[in-house]
Amino acid sequence: MRGVRKEHLPEKICLACGRPFAWRKKWERDWENVKFCSYACRRRKSS
């Protein structure tokens, strides 16, 4: 994903808050399984 502008990165919708979030380098290997935009949303959804 080198050299890709931010507006061209893949996006998903967070299952907890419903807001869109973009691809991040730390999610590179696991992008298919990412469902939440943050740790706070993941905690809120699981409880």
PDB file of N, CA and C in Angstrom:
ATOM      1  N   MET A   1       0.818  -1.195   0.000  1.00  0.00           N
ATOM      2  CA  MET A   1       0.000   0.000   0.000  1.00  0.00           C
ATOM      3  C   MET A   1       0.864   1.263   0.000  1.00  0.00           C
ATOM      4  N   ARG A   2       2.117   1.136  -0.326  1.00  0.00           N
ATOM      5  CA  ARG A   2       2.988   2.309  -0.348  1.00  0.00           C
ATOM      6  C   ARG A   2       2.591   3.258  -1.463  1.00  0.00           C
ATOM      7  N   GLY A   3       2.642   4.534  -1.165  1.00  0.00           N
ATOM      8  CA  GLY A   3       2.367   5.531  -2.173  1.00  0.00           C
ATOM      9  C   GLY A   3       0.891   5.753  -2.457  1.00  0.00           C
ATOM     10  N   VAL A   4       0.023   5.278  -1.608  1.00  0.00           N
ATOM     11  CA  VAL A   4      -1.413   5.443  -1.815  1.00  0.00           C
ATOM     12  C   VAL A   4      -1.900   6.625  -0.990  1.00  0.00           C
ATOM     13  N   ARG A   5      -2.662   7.497  -1.603  1.00  0.00           N
ATOM     14  CA  ARG A   5      -3.201   8.657  -0.889  1.00  0.00           C
ATOM     15  C   ARG A   5      -4.288   8.218   0.081  1.00  0.00           C
ATOM     16  N   LYS A   6      -4.457   8.991   1.135  1.00  0.00           N
ATOM     17  CA  LYS A   6      -5.421   8.640   2.175  1.00  0.00           C
ATOM     18  C   LYS A   6      -6.838   8.484   1.647  1.00  0.00           C
ATOM     19  N   GLU A   7      -7.224   9.305   0.691  1.00  0.00           N
ATOM     20  CA  GLU A   7      -8.592   9.216   0.171  1.00  0.00           C
ATOM     21  C   GLU A   7      -8.827   7.973  -0.677  1.00  0.00           C
ATOM     22  N   HIS A   8      -7.747   7.260  -1.050  1.00  0.00           N
ATOM     23  CA  HIS A   8      -7.881   6.049  -1.854  1.00  0.00           C
ATOM     24  C   HIS A   8      -7.701   4.764  -1.049  1.00  0.00           C
ATOM     25  N   LEU A   9      -7.557   4.867   0.265  1.00  0.00           N
ATOM     26  CA  LEU A   9      -7.409   3.674   1.103  1.00  0.00           C
ATOM     27  C   LEU A   9      -8.759   2.977   1.262  1.00  0.00           C
ATOM     28  N   PRO A  10      -8.753   1.660   1.431  1.00  0.00           N
ATOM     29  CA  PRO A  10     -10.010   0.942   1.654  1.00  0.00           C
ATOM     30  C   PRO A  10     -10.658   1.371   2.968  1.00  0.00           C
ATOM     31  N   GLU A  11     -11.968   1.346   3.013  1.00  0.00           N
ATOM     32  CA  GLU A  11     -12.711   1.728   4.216  1.00  0.00           C
ATOM     33  C   GLU A  11     -13.694   0.640   4.605  1.00  0.00           C
ATOM     34  N   LYS A  12     -14.050   0.650   5.895  1.00  0.00           N
ATOM     35  CA  LYS A  12     -15.091  -0.223   6.441  1.00  0.00           C
ATOM     36  C   LYS A  12     -15.953   0.602   7.370  1.00  0.00           C
ATOM     37  N   ILE A  13     -17.104   0.059   7.739  1.00  0.00           N
ATOM     38  CA  ILE A  13     -17.997   0.692   8.699  1.00  0.00           C
ATOM     39  C   ILE A  13     -17.853  -0.030  10.034  1.00  0.00           C
ATOM     40  N   CYS A  14     -17.643   0.724  11.096  1.00  0.00           N
ATOM     41  CA  CYS A  14     -17.492   0.149  12.437  1.00  0.00           C
ATOM     42  C   CYS A  14     -18.820  -0.452  12.885  1.00  0.00           C
ATOM     43  N   LEU A  15     -18.776  -1.669  13.426  1.00  0.00           N
ATOM     44  CA  LEU A  15     -19.995  -2.342  13.869  1.00  0.00           C
ATOM     45  C   LEU A  15     -20.571  -1.743  15.145  1.00  0.00           C
ATOM     46  N   ALA A  16     -19.764  -1.056  15.936  1.00  0.00           N
ATOM     47  CA  ALA A  16     -20.231  -0.493  17.201  1.00  0.00           C
ATOM     48  C   ALA A  16     -20.800   0.916  17.038  1.00  0.00           C
ATOM     49  N   CYS A  17     -20.071   1.787  16.344  1.00  0.00           N
ATOM     50  CA  CYS A  17     -20.501   3.191  16.256  1.00  0.00           C
ATOM     51  C   CYS A  17     -21.087   3.565  14.903  1.00  0.00           C
ATOM     52  N   GLY A  18     -20.868   2.743  13.875  1.00  0.00           N
ATOM     53  CA  GLY A  18     -21.442   2.992  12.559  1.00  0.00           C
ATOM     54  C   GLY A  18     -20.688   3.993  11.707  1.00  0.00           C
ATOM     55  N   ARG A  19     -19.538   4.465  12.184  1.00  0.00           N
ATOM     56  CA  ARG A  19     -18.752   5.432  11.412  1.00  0.00           C
ATOM     57  C   ARG A  19     -17.746   4.712  10.523  1.00  0.00           C
ATOM     58  N   PRO A  20     -17.412   5.305   9.372  1.00  0.00           N
ATOM     59  CA  PRO A  20     -16.412   4.688   8.499  1.00  0.00           C
ATOM     60  C   PRO A  20     -15.001   4.883   9.062  1.00  0.00           C
ATOM     61  N   PHE A  21     -14.147   3.889   8.843  1.00  0.00           N
ATOM     62  CA  PHE A  21     -12.745   4.024   9.214  1.00  0.00           C
ATOM     63  C   PHE A  21     -11.896   3.442   8.100  1.00  0.00           C
ATOM     64  N   ALA A  22     -10.695   3.986   7.944  1.00  0.00           N
ATOM     65  CA  ALA A  22      -9.824   3.620   6.836  1.00  0.00           C
ATOM     66  C   ALA A  22      -8.782   2.594   7.267  1.00  0.00           C
ATOM     67  N   TRP A  23      -8.197   1.951   6.270  1.00  0.00           N
ATOM     68  CA  TRP A  23      -7.135   0.975   6.454  1.00  0.00           C
ATOM     69  C   TRP A  23      -5.969   1.608   7.195  1.00  0.00           C
ATOM     70  N   ARG A  24      -5.344   0.826   8.076  1.00  0.00           N
ATOM     71  CA  ARG A  24      -4.145   1.261   8.781  1.00  0.00           C
ATOM     72  C   ARG A  24      -3.046   0.231   8.584  1.00  0.00           C
ATOM     73  N   LYS A  25      -1.819   0.705   8.640  1.00  0.00           N
ATOM     74  CA  LYS A  25      -0.666  -0.185   8.440  1.00  0.00           C
ATOM     75  C   LYS A  25      -0.672  -1.349   9.440  1.00  0.00           C
ATOM     76  N   LYS A  26      -1.065  -1.077  10.702  1.00  0.00           N
ATOM     77  CA  LYS A  26      -1.045  -2.146  11.710  1.00  0.00           C
ATOM     78  C   LYS A  26      -2.089  -3.227  11.437  1.00  0.00           C
ATOM     79  N   TRP A  27      -3.075  -2.952  10.581  1.00  0.00           N
ATOM     80  CA  TRP A  27      -4.097  -3.928  10.225  1.00  0.00           C
ATOM     81  C   TRP A  27      -3.774  -4.629   8.906  1.00  0.00           C
ATOM     82  N   GLU A  28      -2.587  -4.444   8.381  1.00  0.00           N
ATOM     83  CA  GLU A  28      -2.230  -4.933   7.054  1.00  0.00           C
ATOM     84  C   GLU A  28      -2.453  -6.438   6.889  1.00  0.00           C
ATOM     85  N   ARG A  29      -2.044  -7.234   7.846  1.00  0.00           N
ATOM     86  CA  ARG A  29      -2.154  -8.696   7.728  1.00  0.00           C
ATOM     87  C   ARG A  29      -3.544  -9.218   8.058  1.00  0.00           C
ATOM     88  N   ASP A  30      -4.343  -8.438   8.762  1.00  0.00           N
ATOM     89  CA  ASP A  30      -5.614  -8.935   9.295  1.00  0.00           C
ATOM     90  C   ASP A  30      -6.810  -8.064   8.885  1.00  0.00           C
ATOM     91  N   TRP A  31      -6.730  -7.355   7.776  1.00  0.00           N
ATOM     92  CA  TRP A  31      -7.768  -6.401   7.378  1.00  0.00           C
ATOM     93  C   TRP A  31      -9.136  -7.059   7.206  1.00  0.00           C
ATOM     94  N   GLU A  32      -9.191  -8.300   6.763  1.00  0.00           N
ATOM     95  CA  GLU A  32     -10.467  -8.977   6.566  1.00  0.00           C
ATOM     96  C   GLU A  32     -11.214  -9.177   7.881  1.00  0.00           C
ATOM     97  N   ASN A  33     -10.486  -9.311   8.981  1.00  0.00           N
ATOM     98  CA  ASN A  33     -11.103  -9.587  10.284  1.00  0.00           C
ATOM     99  C   ASN A  33     -11.330  -8.347  11.139  1.00  0.00           C
ATOM    100  N   VAL A  34     -10.872  -7.186  10.713  1.00  0.00           N
ATOM    101  CA  VAL A  34     -11.052  -5.958  11.483  1.00  0.00           C
ATOM    102  C   VAL A  34     -12.509  -5.528  11.378  1.00  0.00           C
ATOM    103  N   LYS A  35     -13.168  -5.314  12.532  1.00  0.00           N
ATOM    104  CA  LYS A  35     -14.584  -4.966  12.540  1.00  0.00           C
ATOM    105  C   LYS A  35     -14.882  -3.669  13.278  1.00  0.00           C
ATOM    106  N   PHE A  36     -13.944  -3.231  14.124  1.00  0.00           N
ATOM    107  CA  PHE A  36     -14.173  -2.046  14.949  1.00  0.00           C
ATOM    108  C   PHE A  36     -13.090  -1.006  14.693  1.00  0.00           C
ATOM    109  N   CYS A  37     -13.433   0.257  14.834  1.00  0.00           N
ATOM    110  CA  CYS A  37     -12.497   1.345  14.536  1.00  0.00           C
ATOM    111  C   CYS A  37     -11.526   1.614  15.673  1.00  0.00           C
ATOM    112  N   SER A  38     -11.837   1.166  16.889  1.00  0.00           N
ATOM    113  CA  SER A  38     -10.971   1.463  18.029  1.00  0.00           C
ATOM    114  C   SER A  38     -11.177   0.427  19.129  1.00  0.00           C
ATOM    115  N   TYR A  39     -10.292   0.473  20.121  1.00  0.00           N
ATOM    116  CA  TYR A  39     -10.437  -0.412  21.281  1.00  0.00           C
ATOM    117  C   TYR A  39     -11.709  -0.070  22.058  1.00  0.00           C
ATOM    118  N   ALA A  40     -12.045   1.204  22.137  1.00  0.00           N
ATOM    119  CA  ALA A  40     -13.251   1.623  22.861  1.00  0.00           C
ATOM    120  C   ALA A  40     -14.505   1.030  22.221  1.00  0.00           C
ATOM    121  N   CYS A  41     -14.579   1.047  20.912  1.00  0.00           N
ATOM    122  CA  CYS A  41     -15.739   0.461  20.222  1.00  0.00           C
ATOM    123  C   CYS A  41     -15.773  -1.050  20.394  1.00  0.00           C
ATOM    124  N   ARG A  42     -14.629  -1.690  20.396  1.00  0.00           N
ATOM    125  CA  ARG A  42     -14.597  -3.132  20.591  1.00  0.00           C
ATOM    126  C   ARG A  42     -15.084  -3.502  21.982  1.00  0.00           C
ATOM    127  N   ARG A  43     -14.660  -2.747  22.999  1.00  0.00           N
ATOM    128  CA  ARG A  43     -15.132  -3.008  24.371  1.00  0.00           C
ATOM    129  C   ARG A  43     -16.621  -2.741  24.507  1.00  0.00           C
ATOM    130  N   ARG A  44     -17.113  -1.680  23.900  1.00  0.00           N
ATOM    131  CA  ARG A  44     -18.521  -1.323  23.994  1.00  0.00           C
ATOM    132  C   ARG A  44     -19.398  -2.398  23.342  1.00  0.00           C
ATOM    133  N   LYS A  45     -18.971  -2.946  22.237  1.00  0.00           N
ATOM    134  CA  LYS A  45     -19.743  -3.950  21.510  1.00  0.00           C
ATOM    135  C   LYS A  45     -19.791  -5.281  22.255  1.00  0.00           C
ATOM    136  N   SER A  46     -18.686  -5.658  22.900  1.00  0.00           N
ATOM    137  CA  SER A  46     -18.617  -6.965  23.541  1.00  0.00           C
ATOM    138  C   SER A  46     -19.372  -7.028  24.870  1.00  0.00           C
ATOM    139  N   SER A  47     -19.632  -5.875  25.488  1.00  0.00           N
ATOM    140  CA  SER A  47     -20.330  -5.911  26.777  1.00  0.00           C
ATOM    141  C   SER A  47     -21.828  -5.712  26.642  1.00  0.00           C
TER     142      SER A  47
END
